Amino acid sequence: MRIINIIGHSNSGKTTMITKLVPLLAGVASVATIKHMGHHIWELPKGKDTTVHFEGGAVATTGIDAEKAVMSLRTMDVYEILDFYAWKGYEYAVVEGFKEEGFSCVVLGDLAAKNVVMRDANAEEVFAMRDMFEVYVPKKR
């Protein structure tokens, strides 16, 4: 699985880039995404069964309907999520944020970063260079 990390300051166009890049990648491979939420807390829906399970101490809860599954996990470790994606056989993980991890990245704007593959590229350019991004090797835990 290759990691394509999109980083930049707030309002630099990271999410816009990802919304354009994911369909391009999905046309040729399986794609999963991870977003660093920063200071934004994702609220679980109050009173719903999966929320009650989670609040009761479950380490993971999953709700499944006719179209999708939604999972809540207690982990905040990006590597555990990447390990899961790799285990599932996904071919690309598009990651927004986590600049401190040093994944090979596309930088939007003037942010200082290491392991930069491209700067201020558009989605089509990133797609064309997708094989230049690092292959993730799952951690043995």
Foldseek 3Di string as FASTA:
>chain_A
DFEEEEEEDPPLCRVVQCVVQVVLVVVPFFEAEEEDCVPDDDDDDPPDPQVVVVVVPDQKGWDDDPPDIDMDGPDPDVLVVVLVCVVVPGDYYYYYDPQVVQFQYEYRPDDDGHNDPYYNDHSVVCSVVVVVGDDDDRDDD
